Amino acid sequence: MTTNTVLTLVGSLRAGSTNAQLAEAIQLNAPEQVEVLIHESLGNIPFYNEDIDVEGQIPAAAAALRAAANDADALLLVTPEYNGTVPAPLKNAIDWLSRPFGAGALSGKPTAVVGTAFGQYGGVWAQDEARKAVGIAGAKVLEDVKLAVPGSMVRFAEVHPKDDAEVVEQIKGVFEALAAARAGEADEAGEATRAGEAA
């Protein structure tokens, strides 16, 4: 069977980040034939600037991110909430992946957004903003995927998300949605091929 690759981008750069831990829990609970790759270098990517987004001048960290996204079958964004919105490193990654517009690495890519935050709603504002941004950037956003864990600093003070039964159960739902999106893509590709043969 073919292995599906899910590139995971974590919005927090903090050591001991609960969102990094959530990404690890997702990686550990991936089903067979799914490889979850956690991209490690968002903090090394310069802010997007069209002046350096030219052949021969693209920063190595940005080029590596684009290559990883191009190679992935799907993307998963794991975001905390900073002042009611998406952290700058994650938004910057989306900006780099959105270009060239209409043909960037996000174009048509199944993408889900999850996360955890200290507040009582688990960072839903940030998740909604991330969905909007990646959708405008061309991704196929999985709007029905919802995983927002509230009270992160307390809930995960002594328990890693991988050991939280409720979180693990929700992670299964995320993978089911990603699998359904991939199956839908395969069906669409098959229909397009049959249509072409019929023509």
Foldseek 3Di string as FASTA:
>chain_A
DAAAEEEEEEQDPDVVDLLVLLLVLLQVLDDPSYHYHYDNPLVVADQDDVVQPDPPRHDPSLVVLQVVLLPHQAYEYEAEADPLAGHPSLLRNLVSQLPPPPDGSQAAHEYEYAYAYAAPFQNVSHRVRSQVSSVNSHHPYPVPLYYRHYRSCVVPVPPRLNPVVVSSVSSVVVNVSVVVSSVVVVVVVVVVVVVVVVD
